[in-house]
Protein backbone atom coordinates (compact mmCIF):
# COMPACT_ATOMS: atom_id res chain seq x y z
CA GLY A 1 0.00 0.00 0.00
CA PRO A 2 1.01 3.67 -0.08
CA SER A 3 3.60 4.77 2.43
CA CYS A 4 2.45 6.59 5.54
CA SER A 5 2.24 10.31 4.89
CA SER A 6 1.37 12.76 7.62
CA PHE A 7 0.23 16.35 7.24
CA PRO A 8 0.41 17.98 10.68
CA LEU A 9 -0.51 21.51 9.74
CA ARG A 10 0.22 24.80 11.43
CA ASP A 11 0.54 25.03 15.17
CA SER A 12 -2.10 25.38 17.82
CA THR A 13 -1.78 29.18 17.82
CA GLN A 14 -3.89 29.32 14.64
CA ARG A 15 -7.10 31.32 14.47
CA GLN A 16 -9.90 30.55 16.91
CA GLY A 17 -12.25 29.05 14.31
CA ALA A 18 -10.03 26.07 13.64
CA VAL A 19 -9.07 25.32 17.23
CA ARG A 20 -11.62 22.49 17.51
CA SER A 21 -10.04 20.64 14.63
CA ALA A 22 -6.51 21.13 15.99
CA ALA A 23 -6.36 17.67 17.54
CA MET A 24 -8.60 15.90 15.01
CA LYS A 25 -6.91 12.73 13.77
CA ILE A 26 -7.96 11.40 10.38
CA THR A 27 -6.85 8.12 8.84
CA PHE A 28 -7.14 7.25 5.13
CA CYS A 29 -7.68 3.63 4.08
CA CYS A 30 -8.89 3.34 0.49
CA THR A 31 -8.11 0.32 -1.67
CA ASP A 32 -7.07 1.06 -5.28
CA THR A 33 -7.06 4.82 -4.64
CA LYS A 34 -4.11 7.16 -4.94
CA ALA A 35 -3.75 8.61 -1.44
CA GLU A 36 -1.68 11.78 -1.92
CA PRO A 37 -4.33 14.00 -3.59
CA TRP A 38 -6.90 13.06 -0.94
CA LEU A 39 -4.45 13.76 1.89
CA GLN A 40 -3.47 17.10 0.43
CA GLY A 41 -7.09 18.12 -0.18
CA LEU A 42 -8.16 17.16 3.33
CA ALA A 43 -5.16 19.00 4.78
CA VAL A 44 -6.19 22.21 3.02
CA ALA A 45 -9.84 21.79 4.03
CA LEU A 46 -9.09 20.94 7.67
CA PRO A 47 -6.13 23.01 8.82
CA GLY A 48 -4.73 21.66 12.07
CA ALA A 49 -5.94 18.11 11.60
CA GLU A 50 -3.47 15.23 11.60
CA ILE A 51 -4.05 13.18 8.45
CA SER A 52 -2.24 9.98 7.57
CA VAL A 53 -2.50 6.81 5.52
CA TRP A 54 -3.44 3.85 7.70
CA GLN A 55 -0.91 1.10 8.24
CA PRO A 56 -1.25 -1.91 10.55
CA GLY A 57 -0.48 -0.84 14.09
CA ALA A 58 -1.14 2.86 13.40
CA PRO A 59 -2.37 4.98 16.34
CA GLN A 60 -6.08 5.54 16.92
CA ALA A 61 -7.83 8.08 14.72
CA ASP A 62 -11.07 10.01 15.28
CA TYR A 63 -12.34 9.78 11.72
CA ALA A 64 -11.61 7.53 8.74
CA VAL A 65 -11.96 8.05 5.00
CA VAL A 66 -12.42 4.59 3.52
CA TRP A 67 -13.08 2.46 0.47
CA ALA A 68 -13.02 -1.34 0.77
CA PRO A 69 -10.87 -1.37 3.94
CA PRO A 70 -9.72 -4.70 5.44
CA GLN A 71 -11.29 -6.13 8.60
CA GLN A 72 -7.95 -5.57 10.38
CA PHE A 73 -8.44 -1.83 9.93
CA MET A 74 -11.82 -2.00 11.68
CA ASP A 75 -10.47 -4.18 14.48
CA GLU A 76 -7.51 -1.87 15.18
CA GLN A 77 -9.44 1.40 14.81
CA ALA A 78 -12.06 0.52 17.42
CA GLY A 79 -12.32 4.11 18.69
CA LEU A 80 -13.44 5.75 15.45
CA LYS A 81 -16.29 8.27 15.72
CA ALA A 82 -17.23 8.01 12.05
CA LEU A 83 -16.29 6.29 8.78
CA PHE A 84 -16.68 8.28 5.56
CA ASN A 85 -17.19 6.09 2.49
CA ILE A 86 -15.88 7.65 -0.75
CA GLY A 87 -18.27 5.75 -3.04
CA ALA A 88 -22.06 5.84 -3.30
CA GLY A 89 -22.63 2.24 -2.17
CA VAL A 90 -21.84 1.07 1.36
CA ASP A 91 -22.64 -2.63 0.81
CA ALA A 92 -18.98 -3.76 0.98
CA LEU A 93 -18.40 -1.76 4.17
CA LEU A 94 -21.43 -3.19 5.95
CA LYS A 95 -20.14 -6.74 5.46
CA LEU A 96 -17.35 -5.98 7.95
CA ARG A 97 -17.53 -5.89 11.75
CA LEU A 98 -17.53 -2.16 12.40
CA PRO A 99 -16.41 -0.23 15.49
CA PRO A 100 -19.55 -0.27 17.67
CA GLN A 101 -20.03 3.47 18.13
CA ALA A 102 -18.79 4.60 14.68
CA LEU A 103 -21.24 6.32 12.37
CA VAL A 104 -21.08 5.25 8.71
CA VAL A 105 -21.48 8.30 6.48
CA ARG A 106 -21.96 8.10 2.72
CA LEU A 107 -21.53 10.82 0.12
CA ASP A 108 -24.76 12.73 -0.53
CA ASP A 109 -23.98 13.29 -4.19
CA ALA A 110 -20.56 14.89 -4.77
CA GLY A 111 -21.15 15.28 -8.49
CA MET A 112 -22.35 11.70 -9.03
CA ALA A 113 -26.05 12.40 -9.61
CA VAL A 114 -25.59 14.45 -12.76
CA GLN A 115 -23.19 11.82 -14.17
CA MET A 116 -25.73 9.09 -13.44
CA ALA A 117 -28.49 11.11 -15.12
CA GLU A 118 -26.29 11.61 -18.21
CA TYR A 119 -25.44 7.93 -18.41
CA VAL A 120 -28.99 6.64 -18.00
CA CYS A 121 -30.54 9.21 -20.35
CA HIS A 122 -27.93 8.29 -22.95
CA ALA A 123 -28.68 4.57 -22.56
CA VAL A 124 -32.46 5.05 -22.73
CA ILE A 125 -32.32 7.39 -25.73
CA ARG A 126 -29.77 5.25 -27.56
CA HIS A 127 -32.13 2.27 -27.28
CA PHE A 128 -35.36 4.20 -27.98
CA ARG A 129 -33.94 5.96 -31.06
CA GLU A 130 -32.20 2.76 -32.23
CA PHE A 131 -28.85 4.49 -32.50
CA ASP A 132 -27.14 1.13 -31.98
CA GLY A 133 -28.90 -0.07 -35.14
CA TYR A 134 -27.81 3.02 -37.07
CA GLU A 135 -24.23 2.49 -35.89
CA ALA A 136 -24.34 -1.06 -37.27
CA ASP A 137 -25.83 0.21 -40.54
CA MET A 138 -23.14 2.86 -40.98
CA ALA A 139 -20.40 0.33 -40.23
CA ALA A 140 -21.86 -1.93 -42.96
CA GLY A 141 -22.25 0.92 -45.46
CA ARG A 142 -26.08 0.86 -45.30
CA TRP A 143 -28.16 4.05 -45.55
CA GLY A 144 -31.55 3.19 -44.09
CA TYR A 145 -34.28 4.68 -41.92
CA ARG A 146 -36.15 3.17 -39.03
CA LYS A 147 -39.75 3.98 -38.27
CA PRO A 148 -40.10 6.50 -35.41
CA ARG A 149 -41.26 4.91 -32.16
CA LEU A 150 -43.71 6.38 -29.66
CA ARG A 151 -42.50 7.52 -26.26
CA SER A 152 -45.82 6.38 -24.82
CA ASP A 153 -44.78 2.81 -25.76
CA PHE A 154 -41.60 3.08 -23.68
CA PRO A 155 -42.51 3.71 -20.03
CA VAL A 156 -39.30 3.82 -17.99
CA GLY A 157 -39.24 2.32 -14.50
CA VAL A 158 -36.61 3.74 -12.14
CA MET A 159 -36.05 1.27 -9.32
CA GLY A 160 -34.62 3.09 -6.29
CA LEU A 161 -35.35 6.78 -5.70
CA GLY A 162 -32.48 7.94 -3.51
CA VAL A 163 -30.34 10.96 -4.40
CA LEU A 164 -29.17 9.36 -7.67
CA GLY A 165 -32.47 7.70 -8.59
CA GLU A 166 -34.49 10.87 -8.11
CA ARG A 167 -32.09 12.85 -10.30
CA VAL A 168 -32.31 10.16 -13.00
CA ALA A 169 -36.13 10.07 -12.88
CA ARG A 170 -36.38 13.87 -13.15
CA ALA A 171 -33.92 13.94 -16.06
CA LEU A 172 -35.78 11.23 -18.00
CA ALA A 173 -39.09 13.01 -17.45
CA GLN A 174 -37.68 15.96 -19.43
CA PHE A 175 -37.77 13.77 -22.55
CA ASP A 176 -41.50 13.06 -22.17
CA PHE A 177 -41.20 9.35 -21.46
CA PRO A 178 -43.81 8.02 -19.02
CA ILE A 179 -41.78 7.57 -15.81
CA ASN A 180 -42.52 5.07 -13.05
CA GLY A 181 -40.60 5.23 -9.79
CA TYR A 182 -40.25 2.44 -7.25
CA SER A 183 -39.08 2.93 -3.65
CA ARG A 184 -39.34 1.16 -0.31
CA THR A 185 -40.92 4.21 1.33
CA PRO A 186 -43.26 6.75 -0.32
CA LYS A 187 -41.63 9.38 -2.58
CA ALA A 188 -43.40 12.16 -4.47
CA ILE A 189 -41.53 13.44 -7.55
CA ASP A 190 -43.09 15.71 -10.20
CA GLY A 191 -43.75 13.82 -13.41
CA VAL A 192 -43.12 10.41 -11.84
CA ARG A 193 -45.80 7.79 -11.12
CA ALA A 194 -44.93 6.42 -7.69
CA PHE A 195 -44.99 2.77 -6.63
CA THR A 196 -44.14 1.94 -3.02
CA GLY A 197 -43.25 -1.16 -1.07
CA ALA A 198 -43.44 -4.89 -1.77
CA GLU A 199 -47.18 -4.78 -2.41
CA GLN A 200 -46.75 -2.45 -5.43
CA PHE A 201 -43.54 -3.96 -6.84
CA ASN A 202 -45.30 -6.22 -9.34
CA ASP A 203 -47.49 -3.34 -10.57
CA PHE A 204 -44.33 -1.26 -11.07
CA LEU A 205 -42.73 -3.98 -13.21
CA VAL A 206 -45.86 -4.60 -15.30
CA ALA A 207 -46.16 -0.84 -15.96
CA SER A 208 -42.54 -0.55 -17.22
CA ARG A 209 -40.81 -1.45 -20.46
CA VAL A 210 -37.39 0.00 -19.67
CA LEU A 211 -36.02 -0.90 -16.23
CA VAL A 212 -33.29 1.22 -14.61
CA ASN A 213 -31.79 -0.23 -11.42
CA LEU A 214 -30.50 2.21 -8.80
CA LEU A 215 -31.29 0.23 -5.65
CA PRO A 216 -28.80 -0.09 -2.80
CA LEU A 217 -27.44 -3.64 -2.51
CA THR A 218 -28.86 -5.34 0.59
CA PRO A 219 -29.73 -8.97 1.37
CA GLU A 220 -33.31 -8.14 0.29
CA THR A 221 -32.32 -6.64 -3.09
CA ALA A 222 -29.64 -9.16 -4.15
CA ASN A 223 -30.76 -11.01 -7.33
CA VAL A 224 -33.79 -8.71 -7.62
CA MET A 225 -33.49 -8.74 -11.42
CA ASN A 226 -34.20 -12.37 -12.29
CA GLN A 227 -36.27 -14.56 -14.61
CA ASP A 228 -39.44 -13.82 -12.66
CA THR A 229 -39.12 -10.04 -12.23
CA LEU A 230 -37.63 -9.26 -15.65
CA GLY A 231 -40.26 -11.54 -17.18
CA ARG A 232 -42.99 -9.23 -15.80
CA LEU A 233 -41.70 -6.22 -17.72
CA GLN A 234 -43.53 -5.30 -20.91
CA PRO A 235 -42.50 -7.28 -24.03
CA GLY A 236 -39.44 -5.86 -25.77
CA ALA A 237 -38.09 -4.76 -22.40
CA TYR A 238 -34.74 -3.06 -21.95
CA VAL A 239 -32.59 -3.38 -18.82
CA ILE A 240 -30.12 -0.77 -17.49
CA ASN A 241 -28.08 -1.72 -14.40
CA VAL A 242 -26.01 1.04 -12.82
CA ALA A 243 -26.22 -0.10 -9.17
CA ARG A 244 -24.43 -3.37 -8.33
CA GLY A 245 -23.69 -6.53 -10.29
CA ALA A 246 -25.19 -8.73 -7.57
CA HIS A 247 -28.65 -7.27 -8.30
CA LEU A 248 -28.76 -9.12 -11.63
CA VAL A 249 -28.97 -12.86 -12.27
CA GLU A 250 -26.85 -12.83 -15.41
CA GLU A 251 -28.01 -16.18 -16.85
CA ASP A 252 -31.64 -15.09 -16.51
CA LEU A 253 -31.02 -11.92 -18.49
CA LEU A 254 -29.29 -13.87 -21.25
CA ALA A 255 -32.16 -16.38 -21.40
CA LEU A 256 -34.78 -13.60 -21.63
CA ILE A 257 -32.83 -11.88 -24.43
CA ASP A 258 -32.60 -15.22 -26.28
CA SER A 259 -36.37 -15.70 -25.88
CA GLY A 260 -37.04 -12.22 -27.29
CA HIS A 261 -38.86 -10.90 -24.21
CA VAL A 262 -35.94 -8.59 -23.40
CA ALA A 263 -34.60 -6.60 -26.36
CA GLY A 264 -31.23 -5.84 -24.77
CA ALA A 265 -29.36 -4.25 -21.89
CA THR A 266 -26.83 -1.61 -20.90
CA LEU A 267 -24.75 -2.83 -17.98
CA ASP A 268 -22.18 -0.83 -16.02
CA VAL A 269 -21.76 -3.20 -13.05
CA PHE A 270 -21.05 -6.91 -12.81
CA ARG A 271 -20.83 -9.75 -10.31
CA SER A 272 -17.12 -10.03 -10.99
CA GLU A 273 -15.16 -6.88 -11.82
CA PRO A 274 -13.21 -6.54 -14.03
CA LEU A 275 -15.56 -8.61 -16.20
CA PRO A 276 -13.71 -11.91 -16.81
CA ALA A 277 -12.32 -12.67 -20.26
CA GLY A 278 -14.64 -14.94 -22.20
CA HIS A 279 -17.76 -13.76 -20.32
CA ALA A 280 -20.91 -13.93 -22.45
CA PHE A 281 -21.50 -10.17 -22.08
CA TRP A 282 -18.27 -9.15 -23.86
CA ASN A 283 -19.41 -9.88 -27.40
CA HIS A 284 -23.18 -10.09 -27.04
CA PRO A 285 -24.80 -8.10 -29.88
CA ARG A 286 -27.66 -6.87 -27.67
CA ILE A 287 -25.68 -5.97 -24.57
CA THR A 288 -23.71 -2.75 -24.12
CA ILE A 289 -21.16 -2.81 -21.31
CA THR A 290 -19.07 -0.12 -19.61
CA PRO A 291 -16.40 -0.63 -16.90
CA HIS A 292 -18.27 0.59 -13.77
CA THR A 293 -17.96 4.17 -14.89
CA SER A 294 -21.54 5.52 -14.88
CA ALA A 295 -20.86 7.86 -11.94
CA ARG A 296 -17.33 8.31 -10.65
CA THR A 297 -16.39 9.86 -7.33
CA LEU A 298 -15.29 13.45 -7.97
CA ARG A 299 -12.44 13.95 -5.53
CA ASP A 300 -12.60 17.70 -4.90
CA GLU A 301 -16.36 17.72 -4.27
CA SER A 302 -16.05 14.66 -2.04
CA ILE A 303 -13.21 16.13 0.02
CA ALA A 304 -15.15 19.36 0.56
CA GLN A 305 -18.25 17.46 1.67
CA ILE A 306 -16.36 15.07 3.98
CA ALA A 307 -14.43 17.94 5.57
CA ARG A 308 -17.66 19.89 6.22
CA LYS A 309 -19.25 16.86 7.84
CA MET A 310 -16.23 16.10 10.02
CA ALA A 311 -16.17 19.68 11.25
CA ALA A 312 -19.92 19.55 11.94
CA LEU A 313 -19.61 16.30 13.92
CA GLU A 314 -16.78 17.83 15.97
CA ARG A 315 -19.16 20.68 16.83
CA GLY A 316 -21.81 18.16 17.85
CA GLU A 317 -24.06 18.92 14.88
CA ALA A 318 -26.12 16.49 12.82
CA VAL A 319 -24.97 15.59 9.29
CA ALA A 320 -26.72 14.15 6.26
CA GLY A 321 -25.92 10.75 4.79
CA ILE A 322 -25.69 8.67 7.97
CA VAL A 323 -26.27 5.02 7.06
CA ASN A 324 -28.65 2.77 8.94
CA PRO A 325 -26.64 -0.49 9.06
CA ALA A 326 -29.75 -2.58 9.72
CA ARG A 327 -31.40 -1.23 6.58
CA GLY A 328 -28.23 -1.28 4.50
CA TYR A 329 -28.26 2.34 3.30
């Protein structure tokens, strides 16, 4: 891993406003993430804090910035007040035994919602307008038109209406598609037909032809896109998965595409990442894949948000984005 870097900044005679953060100790433990820019950004945002990369045996910290940390980190950092996750999903974190009193705090948005809206709108419009077909025609030297399709025939179901899902639903509504939204608890969004809870899940599926998955991954939502649920979508369905690979039963999707019930899919997340060589998705003519890039963490926005929340917690204030471990998000 990266070598331990420490940024003890200024002395304790700094201005009054930063005195509270003078003794704040922050540890950084993010797998596959270049540490230096995060450390430097946090050091600028939190003058007086001690910020270092975690190594086994490191002293106790007050706060941690994490992505896919090992269990050893949790066991050694038993005194943490809060863990700040630098990605949108906290499913990997919640599989670990966490310090008992530590809050788990996720990013509210940090520039991810607009990226997700771009990605999903692009995928929906590309399918609806048959741009993939035109691309194939151009590559083959064919000049041909396709009959315009009706938006009313392509109701889009957005499954999961958190920060990202709501932004996606609002963006899609701008293009005059009928929009259905599904959430565990009631949500009211302009231009979106709401479906709530297990009792309305089937109605949501039956009302949708395009399915966009933005659910958090929990034991209840694993494998939620399967032969049964995808089979309830309207004929000629299209599937867009931008949440987690474990939401989708891959063989079931392939079987439904082969049967003709599902027209195709755009997939950004997979059960195994990177997608293994030889996987059926790589060369499937009806499946578009991208390498888990639909909404990337924007470092500067994330650092600013995390620093604000740490300072607020130090002052005893409430912060947004606290995860309920029992619920999984």
